[in-house]
Every structure is written in C-alpha cells, then in structure tokens.
Amino acid sequence: MSIGVFQTLEIVLSLSGNLAIAWIGSLVADLVINKPLRLSPAGIEFKRAHLYDVNPVGLGSMLIATAIAMFAYSGYLGPYARAFSPLVALCSSLILSPIICLLTKGKYYLARTPATWDSNTPTKVCDVCENTSETSDMAYCPAYAAPICSLCCTLESRCHDNCKENSNAIEQFNNFIQFLFSQKDARKDLTLD
C-alpha cells in the first residue's frame, strides 16, 4: 500500500475499461448508425482478402474517444466527468464514428469488391487446404488463381496482399502522410495568391 500499487491498478484498469468501452461504442455506432444511414457498405465483410489493414472509422473513433475519456478521467473536465469517464468514452465513440465515416466517405471498408460466385453451388473447395467451405467464406485469390477460404487467406503470407492495392498499414500510412502534405501545400498556394 505504501508504494502505490492500488493507485497504479486503478489507473491501469480505468485506461483498459475506457478503451474497451470506446471500442464497443465504435462497433455499435458502425452497426447501428453508419450502416442504416448508408455511410458504410450494407454487408458485414470479414474476409481479409477484401479488407484494408486499418479502417480509420473504427480505429480513429476508438482512439480519440479513449483519449477524451482519459482526459476526463484525469480530472481536467471536473469531478463529474471523472466519475463518468466510461460514459464519456461511449458517447464520444458513438458521435465520432459517423463523423469520421462521413469524412472518409466510407472508403476504407472494402479494399476490393468481393467476387460473385455461382449461386447454384453453395460450397466451394479451397485451393490451398482442399477443404470444402461455404461460398460466403471464400475469396478469389489471384496468387493461386483459384478460390481460397478465409482462414487460408489469413494465414497466407507469400502473396503480400497482391489481390488489393494500397491496403496494408504501411501503404495507408504513406498515403495519409502524402495527403497531409498535399493539403498543406494546397493551403500555402491559396495564401500566396
């Protein structure tokens, strides 16, 4: 007690609690707000072959809501905000998710359009593991030039995601940095005229 273990535990549990609630709020906002308002694609996509590594809608709203909640928890917004910092995290993520989705125009949900399969065959055989899977669990892989199940696609590292462009985290980060600097140059050009 004299070295402050309980205070450290309180801070760590508060941080992880606020982070978890912000994450849940981001998920709920995406399913309950963004999808009905058609800010994001209607279906829920889970196959790695069709997704970006980072979707700024979910990750951004979660991280910003966590930062706001921890700012409230630190006491800068008063004792009531400190006591209700989990509610601050939840409300912040519910508000930020549609705002970020509007700003990004829902671009980062699907990295490529899913392949359409023959509706007469409800299952397909994966070219890698040779197991039979439902067509909803399959993606077309250009590296194998054949259908591949979502598990094999997730475990495959030799293809380097050549089925989609500008979708891995490093490429996304580089594109974001280029966007920031191009916006700065555009503002500078406007002020010089």
Protein backbone atom coordinates (compact mmCIF):
# COMPACT_ATOMS: atom_id res chain seq x y z
CA MET A 1 0.00 0.00 0.00
CA SER A 2 2.83 2.39 0.77
CA ILE A 3 4.37 2.13 -2.72
CA GLY A 4 1.11 2.95 -4.51
CA VAL A 5 0.15 -0.39 -6.06
CA PHE A 6 -3.58 0.28 -5.68
CA GLN A 7 -3.34 3.66 -7.38
CA THR A 8 -1.42 2.09 -10.26
CA LEU A 9 -4.04 -0.67 -10.57
CA GLU A 10 -6.78 1.95 -10.58
CA ILE A 11 -5.13 3.84 -13.45
CA VAL A 12 -4.45 0.70 -15.50
CA LEU A 13 -7.98 -0.66 -15.03
CA SER A 14 -9.50 2.73 -15.84
CA LEU A 15 -7.46 3.00 -19.03
CA SER A 16 -8.34 -0.51 -20.18
CA GLY A 17 -12.00 -0.02 -19.21
CA ASN A 18 -12.28 3.24 -21.11
CA LEU A 19 -10.52 1.68 -24.11
CA ALA A 20 -12.87 -1.33 -24.08
CA ILE A 21 -15.97 0.84 -23.83
CA ALA A 22 -14.75 3.11 -26.64
CA TRP A 23 -14.15 0.00 -28.78
CA ILE A 24 -17.65 -1.33 -28.08
CA GLY A 25 -19.10 2.12 -28.82
CA SER A 26 -17.28 2.19 -32.17
CA LEU A 27 -18.67 -1.23 -33.08
CA VAL A 28 -22.19 -0.29 -32.05
CA ALA A 29 -22.02 3.01 -33.92
CA ASP A 30 -20.86 1.26 -37.07
CA LEU A 31 -23.67 -1.30 -36.95
CA VAL A 32 -26.49 0.88 -35.59
CA ILE A 33 -25.70 4.31 -37.06
CA ASN A 34 -23.35 4.04 -40.05
CA LYS A 35 -24.97 1.06 -41.79
CA PRO A 36 -28.62 2.23 -41.56
CA LEU A 37 -27.59 5.72 -42.74
CA ARG A 38 -25.66 4.05 -45.61
CA LEU A 39 -22.42 5.73 -44.63
CA SER A 40 -20.73 2.32 -44.77
CA PRO A 41 -21.35 -0.71 -47.02
CA ALA A 42 -24.52 -2.61 -46.20
CA GLY A 43 -22.97 -6.03 -45.61
CA ILE A 44 -20.55 -7.09 -42.92
CA GLU A 45 -17.30 -8.19 -44.53
CA PHE A 46 -14.90 -10.35 -42.55
CA LYS A 47 -12.61 -11.84 -45.17
CA ARG A 48 -9.08 -10.42 -45.06
CA ALA A 49 -8.86 -10.51 -48.85
CA HIS A 50 -11.44 -7.73 -49.06
CA LEU A 51 -10.42 -5.51 -46.13
CA TYR A 52 -7.94 -2.72 -45.52
CA ASP A 53 -5.48 -3.34 -42.71
CA VAL A 54 -6.66 -0.19 -40.93
CA ASN A 55 -10.12 1.32 -41.07
CA PRO A 56 -9.86 4.86 -39.65
CA VAL A 57 -13.57 4.88 -38.79
CA GLY A 58 -13.31 2.23 -36.11
CA LEU A 59 -9.72 2.73 -35.03
CA GLY A 60 -9.87 6.52 -35.13
CA SER A 61 -13.12 6.83 -33.21
CA MET A 62 -11.91 4.33 -30.62
CA LEU A 63 -8.54 6.03 -30.05
CA ILE A 64 -9.93 9.57 -29.98
CA ALA A 65 -12.79 8.54 -27.66
CA THR A 66 -10.28 6.82 -25.37
CA ALA A 67 -8.13 9.96 -25.29
CA ILE A 68 -11.15 12.14 -24.46
CA ALA A 69 -12.24 9.70 -21.74
CA MET A 70 -8.77 9.60 -20.21
CA PHE A 71 -8.67 13.41 -20.32
CA ALA A 72 -11.98 13.38 -18.42
CA TYR A 73 -10.67 10.70 -16.05
CA SER A 74 -7.62 12.81 -15.26
CA GLY A 75 -9.93 15.42 -13.71
CA TYR A 76 -9.42 18.27 -16.19
CA LEU A 77 -13.14 18.35 -17.01
CA GLY A 78 -14.26 18.28 -13.39
CA PRO A 79 -15.21 15.63 -10.84
CA TYR A 80 -18.42 14.57 -12.61
CA ALA A 81 -16.64 13.93 -15.91
CA ARG A 82 -14.01 11.95 -13.99
CA ALA A 83 -16.70 9.79 -12.41
CA PHE A 84 -18.47 9.26 -15.74
CA SER A 85 -15.40 8.82 -17.95
CA PRO A 86 -16.65 5.43 -19.28
CA LEU A 87 -19.86 7.15 -20.40
CA VAL A 88 -17.74 9.88 -21.99
CA ALA A 89 -15.85 7.16 -23.90
CA LEU A 90 -19.07 5.55 -25.08
CA CYS A 91 -20.76 8.79 -26.16
CA SER A 92 -17.60 10.09 -27.83
CA SER A 93 -17.17 6.95 -29.92
CA LEU A 94 -20.86 6.95 -30.88
CA ILE A 95 -20.51 10.53 -32.13
CA LEU A 96 -17.06 10.24 -33.72
CA SER A 97 -17.71 7.08 -35.75
CA PRO A 98 -20.29 8.62 -38.14
CA ILE A 99 -18.28 11.86 -38.36
CA ILE A 100 -15.11 10.02 -39.40
CA CYS A 101 -17.16 7.83 -41.75
CA LEU A 102 -18.53 10.97 -43.42
CA LEU A 103 -15.06 12.48 -43.70
CA THR A 104 -13.58 9.34 -45.27
CA LYS A 105 -16.74 8.74 -47.35
CA GLY A 106 -16.74 5.08 -46.27
CA LYS A 107 -13.70 4.41 -48.44
CA TYR A 108 -11.79 2.20 -46.01
CA TYR A 109 -14.34 -0.56 -45.52
CA LEU A 110 -13.66 -2.60 -48.66
CA ALA A 111 -10.26 -2.77 -50.34
CA ARG A 112 -11.70 -4.60 -53.33
CA THR A 113 -15.08 -5.77 -54.47
CA PRO A 114 -15.94 -9.32 -53.46
CA ALA A 115 -16.10 -11.92 -56.22
CA THR A 116 -19.51 -13.19 -57.19
CA TRP A 117 -19.88 -16.94 -57.21
CA ASP A 118 -22.31 -19.21 -59.00
CA SER A 119 -25.43 -19.22 -56.82
CA ASN A 120 -26.19 -22.86 -57.69
CA THR A 121 -23.17 -24.12 -55.73
CA PRO A 122 -23.45 -23.32 -52.00
CA THR A 123 -19.94 -24.64 -51.29
CA LYS A 124 -16.51 -24.44 -52.90
CA VAL A 125 -13.23 -26.27 -52.38
CA CYS A 126 -10.29 -24.20 -51.15
CA ASP A 127 -7.29 -24.47 -53.47
CA VAL A 128 -4.82 -24.40 -50.55
CA CYS A 129 -6.24 -26.65 -47.82
CA GLU A 130 -8.65 -28.52 -50.13
CA ASN A 131 -11.43 -28.30 -47.54
CA THR A 132 -14.98 -27.51 -48.59
CA SER A 133 -16.33 -24.17 -47.35
CA GLU A 134 -19.44 -22.11 -47.92
CA THR A 135 -19.12 -19.63 -50.75
CA SER A 136 -19.61 -16.76 -48.26
CA ASP A 137 -16.32 -17.85 -46.65
CA MET A 138 -14.39 -17.93 -49.94
CA ALA A 139 -12.44 -15.26 -51.82
CA TYR A 140 -10.80 -15.34 -55.21
CA CYS A 141 -7.00 -15.31 -54.84
CA PRO A 142 -5.00 -14.01 -57.81
CA ALA A 143 -1.79 -15.53 -56.39
CA TYR A 144 -3.27 -19.02 -56.68
CA ALA A 145 -5.72 -18.06 -59.45
CA ALA A 146 -8.36 -20.01 -57.59
CA PRO A 147 -10.84 -19.74 -54.71
CA ILE A 148 -9.29 -19.73 -51.24
CA CYS A 149 -11.01 -19.93 -47.84
CA SER A 150 -10.77 -17.01 -45.44
CA LEU A 151 -8.61 -18.99 -42.98
CA CYS A 152 -6.01 -19.85 -45.63
CA CYS A 153 -6.11 -16.26 -46.87
CA THR A 154 -5.40 -15.00 -43.35
CA LEU A 155 -2.52 -17.44 -42.88
CA GLU A 156 -1.03 -16.85 -46.34
CA SER A 157 1.97 -14.51 -46.25
CA ARG A 158 3.72 -15.26 -49.56
CA CYS A 159 1.28 -13.31 -51.73
CA HIS A 160 1.96 -9.97 -49.98
CA ASP A 161 -1.69 -8.94 -50.47
CA ASN A 162 -1.33 -8.59 -54.23
CA CYS A 163 -5.11 -9.00 -54.55
CA LYS A 164 -5.64 -5.45 -53.33
CA GLU A 165 -3.76 -2.16 -53.74
CA ASN A 166 -2.79 0.41 -51.10
CA SER A 167 -4.44 -1.63 -48.38
CA ASN A 168 -1.69 -2.61 -45.97
CA ALA A 169 -0.94 -0.43 -42.97
CA ILE A 170 2.36 0.96 -44.28
CA GLU A 171 0.84 1.99 -47.63
CA GLN A 172 -2.13 3.53 -45.84
CA PHE A 173 0.18 5.48 -43.54
CA ASN A 174 2.26 6.72 -46.51
CA ASN A 175 -0.92 7.79 -48.34
CA PHE A 176 -2.09 9.63 -45.22
CA ILE A 177 1.23 11.48 -44.91
CA GLN A 178 1.12 12.41 -48.60
CA PHE A 179 -2.46 13.63 -48.14
CA LEU A 180 -1.43 15.81 -45.18
CA PHE A 181 1.47 17.38 -47.04
CA SER A 182 -0.54 17.90 -50.22
CA GLN A 183 -3.22 19.69 -48.17
CA LYS A 184 -0.55 21.87 -46.55
CA ASP A 185 0.90 22.73 -49.99
CA ALA A 186 -2.58 23.49 -51.32
CA ARG A 187 -3.28 25.86 -48.40
CA LYS A 188 0.11 27.53 -48.91
CA ASP A 189 -0.66 28.03 -52.62
CA LEU A 190 -4.02 29.59 -51.76
CA THR A 191 -2.46 32.07 -49.34
CA LEU A 192 0.27 33.12 -51.78
CA ASP A 193 -2.22 34.17 -54.48
